[in-house]
Amino acid sequence: MCVLVVVVVVVVVVVVVVVVVVVVVVVVVVVVVVIVVVIVVEVIVVIVVVVVVVVVVVVVVVVVVVVVVVVPVVVIIVVVVVILSDFL
């Protein structure tokens, strides 16, 4: 059972790292695209781009918060269930 817990924790950590890396890459790409668009186009499009950036940032923040909150909770639940199953 302890091996199972270690495997689950390692998998969860790897998934969290991958999600965070993907989110960071997406944010960097979006920011670069926004900078290029802002340099190239007019004010109306800039306003639209700013709105899109705000939406993307909000989504990224929500994803990061969910990952930071949900993943530890799931890990704790798995560990507790495994520990309890050893006693039962």
PDB file of N, CA and C in Angstrom:
ATOM      1  N   MET A   1       0.820  -1.217   0.000  1.00  0.00           N
ATOM      2  CA  MET A   1       0.000   0.000   0.000  1.00  0.00           C
ATOM      3  C   MET A   1       0.859   1.275   0.000  1.00  0.00           C
ATOM      4  N   CYS A   2       1.958   1.217   0.722  1.00  0.00           N
ATOM      5  CA  CYS A   2       2.821   2.407   0.776  1.00  0.00           C
ATOM      6  C   CYS A   2       3.387   2.733  -0.599  1.00  0.00           C
ATOM      7  N   VAL A   3       3.700   1.690  -1.369  1.00  0.00           N
ATOM      8  CA  VAL A   3       4.198   1.904  -2.733  1.00  0.00           C
ATOM      9  C   VAL A   3       3.138   2.597  -3.568  1.00  0.00           C
ATOM     10  N   LEU A   4       1.887   2.169  -3.393  1.00  0.00           N
ATOM     11  CA  LEU A   4       0.776   2.796  -4.123  1.00  0.00           C
ATOM     12  C   LEU A   4       0.680   4.287  -3.791  1.00  0.00           C
ATOM     13  N   VAL A   5       0.811   4.607  -2.525  1.00  0.00           N
ATOM     14  CA  VAL A   5       0.750   6.018  -2.102  1.00  0.00           C
ATOM     15  C   VAL A   5       1.870   6.809  -2.764  1.00  0.00           C
ATOM     16  N   VAL A   6       3.066   6.257  -2.765  1.00  0.00           N
ATOM     17  CA  VAL A   6       4.205   6.951  -3.375  1.00  0.00           C
ATOM     18  C   VAL A   6       3.965   7.151  -4.861  1.00  0.00           C
ATOM     19  N   VAL A   7       3.474   6.115  -5.530  1.00  0.00           N
ATOM     20  CA  VAL A   7       3.198   6.214  -6.969  1.00  0.00           C
ATOM     21  C   VAL A   7       2.150   7.286  -7.233  1.00  0.00           C
ATOM     22  N   VAL A   8       1.082   7.277  -6.462  1.00  0.00           N
ATOM     23  CA  VAL A   8       0.011   8.272  -6.647  1.00  0.00           C
ATOM     24  C   VAL A   8       0.545   9.680  -6.421  1.00  0.00           C
ATOM     25  N   VAL A   9       1.324   9.863  -5.384  1.00  0.00           N
ATOM     26  CA  VAL A   9       1.867  11.198  -5.075  1.00  0.00           C
ATOM     27  C   VAL A   9       2.800  11.653  -6.199  1.00  0.00           C
ATOM     28  N   VAL A  10       3.649  10.759  -6.690  1.00  0.00           N
ATOM     29  CA  VAL A  10       4.566  11.109  -7.780  1.00  0.00           C
ATOM     30  C   VAL A  10       3.783  11.489  -9.032  1.00  0.00           C
ATOM     31  N   VAL A  11       2.765  10.705  -9.364  1.00  0.00           N
ATOM     32  CA  VAL A  11       1.943  11.001 -10.548  1.00  0.00           C
ATOM     33  C   VAL A  11       1.260  12.360 -10.395  1.00  0.00           C
ATOM     34  N   VAL A  12       0.724  12.614  -9.226  1.00  0.00           N
ATOM     35  CA  VAL A  12       0.038  13.896  -8.987  1.00  0.00           C
ATOM     36  C   VAL A  12       1.029  15.055  -9.123  1.00  0.00           C
ATOM     37  N   VAL A  13       2.208  14.902  -8.558  1.00  0.00           N
ATOM     38  CA  VAL A  13       3.215  15.966  -8.638  1.00  0.00           C
ATOM     39  C   VAL A  13       3.620  16.212 -10.093  1.00  0.00           C
ATOM     40  N   VAL A  14       3.811  15.131 -10.850  1.00  0.00           N
ATOM     41  CA  VAL A  14       4.173  15.276 -12.260  1.00  0.00           C
ATOM     42  C   VAL A  14       3.070  15.990 -13.027  1.00  0.00           C
ATOM     43  N   VAL A  15       1.819  15.604 -12.776  1.00  0.00           N
ATOM     44  CA  VAL A  15       0.690  16.255 -13.455  1.00  0.00           C
ATOM     45  C   VAL A  15       0.636  17.738 -13.107  1.00  0.00           C
ATOM     46  N   VAL A  16       0.841  18.062 -11.850  1.00  0.00           N
ATOM     47  CA  VAL A  16       0.821  19.471 -11.426  1.00  0.00           C
ATOM     48  C   VAL A  16       1.930  20.250 -12.130  1.00  0.00           C
ATOM     49  N   VAL A  17       3.116  19.687 -12.170  1.00  0.00           N
ATOM     50  CA  VAL A  17       4.237  20.366 -12.816  1.00  0.00           C
ATOM     51  C   VAL A  17       3.942  20.586 -14.300  1.00  0.00           C
ATOM     52  N   VAL A  18       3.420  19.563 -14.963  1.00  0.00           N
ATOM     53  CA  VAL A  18       3.103  19.683 -16.392  1.00  0.00           C
ATOM     54  C   VAL A  18       2.047  20.762 -16.608  1.00  0.00           C
ATOM     55  N   VAL A  19       1.005  20.758 -15.788  1.00  0.00           N
ATOM     56  CA  VAL A  19      -0.062  21.761 -15.934  1.00  0.00           C
ATOM     57  C   VAL A  19       0.499  23.167 -15.732  1.00  0.00           C
ATOM     58  N   VAL A  20       1.313  23.340 -14.722  1.00  0.00           N
ATOM     59  CA  VAL A  20       1.873  24.668 -14.452  1.00  0.00           C
ATOM     60  C   VAL A  20       2.778  25.119 -15.604  1.00  0.00           C
ATOM     61  N   VAL A  21       3.601  24.207 -16.125  1.00  0.00           N
ATOM     62  CA  VAL A  21       4.485  24.553 -17.246  1.00  0.00           C
ATOM     63  C   VAL A  21       3.653  24.943 -18.464  1.00  0.00           C
ATOM     64  N   VAL A  22       2.619  24.167 -18.763  1.00  0.00           N
ATOM     65  CA  VAL A  22       1.756  24.476 -19.912  1.00  0.00           C
ATOM     66  C   VAL A  22       1.099  25.841 -19.730  1.00  0.00           C
ATOM     67  N   VAL A  23       0.601  26.101 -18.543  1.00  0.00           N
ATOM     68  CA  VAL A  23      -0.053  27.388 -18.273  1.00  0.00           C
ATOM     69  C   VAL A  23       0.939  28.538 -18.457  1.00  0.00           C
ATOM     70  N   VAL A  24       2.140  28.376 -17.944  1.00  0.00           N
ATOM     71  CA  VAL A  24       3.147  29.434 -18.069  1.00  0.00           C
ATOM     72  C   VAL A  24       3.495  29.668 -19.541  1.00  0.00           C
ATOM     73  N   VAL A  25       3.672  28.591 -20.299  1.00  0.00           N
ATOM     74  CA  VAL A  25       3.989  28.726 -21.732  1.00  0.00           C
ATOM     75  C   VAL A  25       2.859  29.440 -22.461  1.00  0.00           C
ATOM     76  N   VAL A  26       1.629  29.058 -22.176  1.00  0.00           N
ATOM     77  CA  VAL A  26       0.476  29.704 -22.818  1.00  0.00           C
ATOM     78  C   VAL A  26       0.441  31.190 -22.483  1.00  0.00           C
ATOM     79  N   VAL A  27       0.671  31.517 -21.231  1.00  0.00           N
ATOM     80  CA  VAL A  27       0.650  32.935 -20.826  1.00  0.00           C
ATOM     81  C   VAL A  27       1.750  33.706 -21.547  1.00  0.00           C
ATOM     82  N   VAL A  28       2.940  33.142 -21.623  1.00  0.00           N
ATOM     83  CA  VAL A  28       4.046  33.824 -22.303  1.00  0.00           C
ATOM     84  C   VAL A  28       3.712  34.045 -23.777  1.00  0.00           C
ATOM     85  N   VAL A  29       3.190  33.021 -24.430  1.00  0.00           N
ATOM     86  CA  VAL A  29       2.822  33.143 -25.845  1.00  0.00           C
ATOM     87  C   VAL A  29       1.751  34.219 -26.024  1.00  0.00           C
ATOM     88  N   VAL A  30       0.743  34.201 -25.176  1.00  0.00           N
ATOM     89  CA  VAL A  30      -0.332  35.198 -25.279  1.00  0.00           C
ATOM     90  C   VAL A  30       0.224  36.601 -25.079  1.00  0.00           C
ATOM     91  N   VAL A  31       1.095  36.763 -24.112  1.00  0.00           N
ATOM     92  CA  VAL A  31       1.663  38.096 -23.855  1.00  0.00           C
ATOM     93  C   VAL A  31       2.486  38.572 -25.052  1.00  0.00           C
ATOM     94  N   VAL A  32       3.284  37.676 -25.634  1.00  0.00           N
ATOM     95  CA  VAL A  32       4.083  38.050 -26.807  1.00  0.00           C
ATOM     96  C   VAL A  32       3.177  38.434 -27.968  1.00  0.00           C
ATOM     97  N   VAL A  33       2.151  37.638 -28.208  1.00  0.00           N
ATOM     98  CA  VAL A  33       1.196  37.942 -29.287  1.00  0.00           C
ATOM     99  C   VAL A  33       0.519  39.279 -29.036  1.00  0.00           C
ATOM    100  N   VAL A  34       0.141  39.520 -27.813  1.00  0.00           N
ATOM    101  CA  VAL A  34      -0.520  40.789 -27.468  1.00  0.00           C
ATOM    102  C   VAL A  34       0.419  41.964 -27.720  1.00  0.00           C
ATOM    103  N   ILE A  35       1.661  41.822 -27.318  1.00  0.00           N
ATOM    104  CA  ILE A  35       2.626  42.905 -27.535  1.00  0.00           C
ATOM    105  C   ILE A  35       2.772  43.186 -29.031  1.00  0.00           C
ATOM    106  N   VAL A  36       2.904  42.137 -29.825  1.00  0.00           N
ATOM    107  CA  VAL A  36       3.031  42.305 -31.278  1.00  0.00           C
ATOM    108  C   VAL A  36       1.780  42.978 -31.841  1.00  0.00           C
ATOM    109  N   VAL A  37       0.617  42.504 -31.418  1.00  0.00           N
ATOM    110  CA  VAL A  37      -0.644  43.073 -31.921  1.00  0.00           C
ATOM    111  C   VAL A  37      -0.758  44.543 -31.535  1.00  0.00           C
ATOM    112  N   VAL A  38      -0.407  44.849 -30.302  1.00  0.00           N
ATOM    113  CA  VAL A  38      -0.489  46.239 -29.835  1.00  0.00           C
ATOM    114  C   VAL A  38       0.434  47.131 -30.668  1.00  0.00           C
ATOM    115  N   ILE A  39       1.599  46.631 -30.989  1.00  0.00           N
ATOM    116  CA  ILE A  39       2.543  47.418 -31.785  1.00  0.00           C
ATOM    117  C   ILE A  39       2.000  47.635 -33.201  1.00  0.00           C
ATOM    118  N   VAL A  40       1.326  46.623 -33.746  1.00  0.00           N
ATOM    119  CA  VAL A  40       0.960  46.653 -35.161  1.00  0.00           C
ATOM    120  C   VAL A  40      -0.390  47.328 -35.426  1.00  0.00           C
ATOM    121  N   VAL A  41      -1.376  47.187 -34.566  1.00  0.00           N
ATOM    122  CA  VAL A  41      -2.754  47.569 -34.932  1.00  0.00           C
ATOM    123  C   VAL A  41      -3.279  48.792 -34.206  1.00  0.00           C
ATOM    124  N   GLU A  42      -4.531  49.118 -34.524  1.00  0.00           N
ATOM    125  CA  GLU A  42      -5.124  50.366 -34.033  1.00  0.00           C
ATOM    126  C   GLU A  42      -5.790  50.216 -32.666  1.00  0.00           C
ATOM    127  N   VAL A  43      -6.379  51.289 -32.198  1.00  0.00           N
ATOM    128  CA  VAL A  43      -6.898  51.394 -30.828  1.00  0.00           C
ATOM    129  C   VAL A  43      -8.057  50.430 -30.564  1.00  0.00           C
ATOM    130  N   ILE A  44      -8.975  50.278 -31.489  1.00  0.00           N
ATOM    131  CA  ILE A  44     -10.139  49.405 -31.279  1.00  0.00           C
ATOM    132  C   ILE A  44      -9.683  47.968 -31.033  1.00  0.00           C
ATOM    133  N   VAL A  45      -8.770  47.522 -31.852  1.00  0.00           N
ATOM    134  CA  VAL A  45      -8.247  46.166 -31.695  1.00  0.00           C
ATOM    135  C   VAL A  45      -7.469  46.049 -30.387  1.00  0.00           C
ATOM    136  N   VAL A  46      -6.783  47.089 -30.013  1.00  0.00           N
ATOM    137  CA  VAL A  46      -6.039  47.084 -28.749  1.00  0.00           C
ATOM    138  C   VAL A  46      -6.990  46.883 -27.581  1.00  0.00           C
ATOM    139  N   ILE A  47      -8.132  47.556 -27.624  1.00  0.00           N
ATOM    140  CA  ILE A  47      -9.136  47.388 -26.563  1.00  0.00           C
ATOM    141  C   ILE A  47      -9.605  45.931 -26.508  1.00  0.00           C
ATOM    142  N   VAL A  48      -9.894  45.366 -27.671  1.00  0.00           N
ATOM    143  CA  VAL A  48     -10.310  43.961 -27.736  1.00  0.00           C
ATOM    144  C   VAL A  48      -9.209  43.052 -27.190  1.00  0.00           C
ATOM    145  N   VAL A  49      -7.985  43.343 -27.575  1.00  0.00           N
ATOM    146  CA  VAL A  49      -6.848  42.541 -27.104  1.00  0.00           C
ATOM    147  C   VAL A  49      -6.693  42.638 -25.599  1.00  0.00           C
ATOM    148  N   VAL A  50      -6.861  43.828 -25.067  1.00  0.00           N
ATOM    149  CA  VAL A  50      -6.763  44.011 -23.614  1.00  0.00           C
ATOM    150  C   VAL A  50      -7.828  43.178 -22.913  1.00  0.00           C
ATOM    151  N   VAL A  51      -9.034  43.181 -23.449  1.00  0.00           N
ATOM    152  CA  VAL A  51     -10.114  42.373 -22.869  1.00  0.00           C
ATOM    153  C   VAL A  51      -9.742  40.888 -22.923  1.00  0.00           C
ATOM    154  N   VAL A  52      -9.229  40.465 -24.070  1.00  0.00           N
ATOM    155  CA  VAL A  52      -8.826  39.062 -24.221  1.00  0.00           C
ATOM    156  C   VAL A  52      -7.716  38.710 -23.226  1.00  0.00           C
ATOM    157  N   VAL A  53      -6.756  39.594 -23.082  1.00  0.00           N
ATOM    158  CA  VAL A  53      -5.657  39.352 -22.129  1.00  0.00           C
ATOM    159  C   VAL A  53      -6.190  39.238 -20.709  1.00  0.00           C
ATOM    160  N   VAL A  54      -7.095  40.122 -20.351  1.00  0.00           N
ATOM    161  CA  VAL A  54      -7.680  40.069 -19.008  1.00  0.00           C
ATOM    162  C   VAL A  54      -8.385  38.735 -18.804  1.00  0.00           C
ATOM    163  N   VAL A  55      -9.147  38.302 -19.805  1.00  0.00           N
ATOM    164  CA  VAL A  55      -9.855  37.024 -19.705  1.00  0.00           C
ATOM    165  C   VAL A  55      -8.855  35.876 -19.572  1.00  0.00           C
ATOM    166  N   VAL A  56      -7.811  35.898 -20.380  1.00  0.00           N
ATOM    167  CA  VAL A  56      -6.789  34.840 -20.317  1.00  0.00           C
ATOM    168  C   VAL A  56      -6.113  34.824 -18.952  1.00  0.00           C
ATOM    169  N   VAL A  57      -5.772  35.989 -18.447  1.00  0.00           N
ATOM    170  CA  VAL A  57      -5.125  36.060 -17.131  1.00  0.00           C
ATOM    171  C   VAL A  57      -6.049  35.521 -16.049  1.00  0.00           C
ATOM    172  N   VAL A  58      -7.318  35.880 -16.115  1.00  0.00           N
ATOM    173  CA  VAL A  58      -8.281  35.373 -15.128  1.00  0.00           C
ATOM    174  C   VAL A  58      -8.380  33.849 -15.212  1.00  0.00           C
ATOM    175  N   VAL A  59      -8.457  33.323 -16.438  1.00  0.00           N
ATOM    176  CA  VAL A  59      -8.529  31.866 -16.612  1.00  0.00           C
ATOM    177  C   VAL A  59      -7.272  31.199 -16.065  1.00  0.00           C
ATOM    178  N   VAL A  60      -6.118  31.780 -16.362  1.00  0.00           N
ATOM    179  CA  VAL A  60      -4.854  31.218 -15.865  1.00  0.00           C
ATOM    180  C   VAL A  60      -4.828  31.224 -14.340  1.00  0.00           C
ATOM    181  N   VAL A  61      -5.238  32.321 -13.758  1.00  0.00           N
ATOM    182  CA  VAL A  61      -5.256  32.412 -12.294  1.00  0.00           C
ATOM    183  C   VAL A  61      -6.201  31.365 -11.709  1.00  0.00           C
ATOM    184  N   VAL A  62      -7.366  31.210 -12.315  1.00  0.00           N
ATOM    185  CA  VAL A  62      -8.324  30.207 -11.828  1.00  0.00           C
ATOM    186  C   VAL A  62      -7.725  28.810 -11.945  1.00  0.00           C
ATOM    187  N   VAL A  63      -7.084  28.518 -13.082  1.00  0.00           N
ATOM    188  CA  VAL A  63      -6.474  27.196 -13.265  1.00  0.00           C
ATOM    189  C   VAL A  63      -5.387  26.953 -12.222  1.00  0.00           C
ATOM    190  N   VAL A  64      -4.540  27.932 -12.020  1.00  0.00           N
ATOM    191  CA  VAL A  64      -3.456  27.780 -11.039  1.00  0.00           C
ATOM    192  C   VAL A  64      -4.027  27.591  -9.636  1.00  0.00           C
ATOM    193  N   VAL A  65      -5.037  28.371  -9.282  1.00  0.00           N
ATOM    194  CA  VAL A  65      -5.658  28.239  -7.957  1.00  0.00           C
ATOM    195  C   VAL A  65      -6.277  26.848  -7.798  1.00  0.00           C
ATOM    196  N   VAL A  66      -6.972  26.397  -8.842  1.00  0.00           N
ATOM    197  CA  VAL A  66      -7.580  25.063  -8.776  1.00  0.00           C
ATOM    198  C   VAL A  66      -6.502  24.004  -8.604  1.00  0.00           C
ATOM    199  N   VAL A  67      -5.421  24.129  -9.370  1.00  0.00           N
ATOM    200  CA  VAL A  67      -4.330  23.151  -9.259  1.00  0.00           C
ATOM    201  C   VAL A  67      -3.709  23.209  -7.866  1.00  0.00           C
ATOM    202  N   VAL A  68      -3.478  24.413  -7.376  1.00  0.00           N
ATOM    203  CA  VAL A  68      -2.825  24.565  -6.072  1.00  0.00           C
ATOM    204  C   VAL A  68      -3.729  24.096  -4.939  1.00  0.00           C
ATOM    205  N   VAL A  69      -5.041  24.257  -5.086  1.00  0.00           N
ATOM    206  CA  VAL A  69      -5.971  23.866  -4.013  1.00  0.00           C
ATOM    207  C   VAL A  69      -6.421  22.419  -4.167  1.00  0.00           C
ATOM    208  N   VAL A  70      -6.813  22.021  -5.370  1.00  0.00           N
ATOM    209  CA  VAL A  70      -7.414  20.700  -5.568  1.00  0.00           C
ATOM    210  C   VAL A  70      -6.376  19.590  -5.445  1.00  0.00           C
ATOM    211  N   VAL A  71      -5.211  19.782  -6.021  1.00  0.00           N
ATOM    212  CA  VAL A  71      -4.201  18.711  -6.020  1.00  0.00           C
ATOM    213  C   VAL A  71      -3.794  18.320  -4.598  1.00  0.00           C
ATOM    214  N   PRO A  72      -3.445  19.269  -3.734  1.00  0.00           N
ATOM    215  CA  PRO A  72      -3.103  18.857  -2.359  1.00  0.00           C
ATOM    216  C   PRO A  72      -4.268  18.161  -1.646  1.00  0.00           C
ATOM    217  N   VAL A  73      -5.479  18.627  -1.875  1.00  0.00           N
ATOM    218  CA  VAL A  73      -6.644  18.004  -1.246  1.00  0.00           C
ATOM    219  C   VAL A  73      -6.776  16.553  -1.717  1.00  0.00           C
ATOM    220  N   VAL A  74      -6.623  16.326  -3.025  1.00  0.00           N
ATOM    221  CA  VAL A  74      -6.713  14.967  -3.561  1.00  0.00           C
ATOM    222  C   VAL A  74      -5.603  14.100  -2.989  1.00  0.00           C
ATOM    223  N   VAL A  75      -4.404  14.641  -2.918  1.00  0.00           N
ATOM    224  CA  VAL A  75      -3.280  13.870  -2.359  1.00  0.00           C
ATOM    225  C   VAL A  75      -3.559  13.515  -0.903  1.00  0.00           C
ATOM    226  N   ILE A  76      -4.029  14.471  -0.132  1.00  0.00           N
ATOM    227  CA  ILE A  76      -4.339  14.226   1.282  1.00  0.00           C
ATOM    228  C   ILE A  76      -5.418  13.153   1.409  1.00  0.00           C
ATOM    229  N   ILE A  77      -6.470  13.250   0.581  1.00  0.00           N
ATOM    230  CA  ILE A  77      -7.555  12.262   0.630  1.00  0.00           C
ATOM    231  C   ILE A  77      -7.015  10.870   0.299  1.00  0.00           C
ATOM    232  N   VAL A  78      -6.185  10.775  -0.737  1.00  0.00           N
ATOM    233  CA  VAL A  78      -5.622   9.474  -1.129  1.00  0.00           C
ATOM    234  C   VAL A  78      -4.765   8.907  -0.002  1.00  0.00           C
ATOM    235  N   VAL A  79      -3.928   9.738   0.562  1.00  0.00           N
ATOM    236  CA  VAL A  79      -3.057   9.274   1.654  1.00  0.00           C
ATOM    237  C   VAL A  79      -3.890   8.806   2.845  1.00  0.00           C
ATOM    238  N   VAL A  80      -4.894   9.573   3.216  1.00  0.00           N
ATOM    239  CA  VAL A  80      -5.752   9.195   4.351  1.00  0.00           C
ATOM    240  C   VAL A  80      -6.476   7.889   4.066  1.00  0.00           C
ATOM    241  N   VAL A  81      -7.010   7.754   2.840  1.00  0.00           N
ATOM    242  CA  VAL A  81      -7.720   6.518   2.484  1.00  0.00           C
ATOM    243  C   VAL A  81      -6.772   5.321   2.542  1.00  0.00           C
ATOM    244  N   VAL A  82      -5.569   5.485   2.037  1.00  0.00           N
ATOM    245  CA  VAL A  82      -4.595   4.382   2.061  1.00  0.00           C
ATOM    246  C   VAL A  82      -4.220   4.036   3.496  1.00  0.00           C
ATOM    247  N   ILE A  83      -3.980   5.040   4.309  1.00  0.00           N
ATOM    248  CA  ILE A  83      -3.617   4.797   5.712  1.00  0.00           C
ATOM    249  C   ILE A  83      -4.771   4.098   6.429  1.00  0.00           C
ATOM    250  N   LEU A  84      -5.993   4.579   6.203  1.00  0.00           N
ATOM    251  CA  LEU A  84      -7.164   3.942   6.839  1.00  0.00           C
ATOM    252  C   LEU A  84      -7.349   2.521   6.331  1.00  0.00           C
ATOM    253  N   SER A  85      -7.115   2.284   5.054  1.00  0.00           N
ATOM    254  CA  SER A  85      -7.288   0.938   4.513  1.00  0.00           C
ATOM    255  C   SER A  85      -6.259  -0.027   5.095  1.00  0.00           C
ATOM    256  N   ASP A  86      -5.093   0.484   5.461  1.00  0.00           N
ATOM    257  CA  ASP A  86      -4.090  -0.372   6.117  1.00  0.00           C
ATOM    258  C   ASP A  86      -4.564  -0.805   7.505  1.00  0.00           C
ATOM    259  N   PHE A  87      -5.280   0.081   8.171  1.00  0.00           N
ATOM    260  CA  PHE A  87      -5.776  -0.258   9.509  1.00  0.00           C
ATOM    261  C   PHE A  87      -6.982  -1.182   9.467  1.00  0.00           C
ATOM    262  N   LEU A  88      -7.761  -1.116   8.367  1.00  0.00           N
ATOM    263  CA  LEU A  88      -8.993  -1.917   8.299  1.00  0.00           C
ATOM    264  C   LEU A  88      -8.748  -3.327   7.807  1.00  0.00           C
TER     265      LEU A  88
END
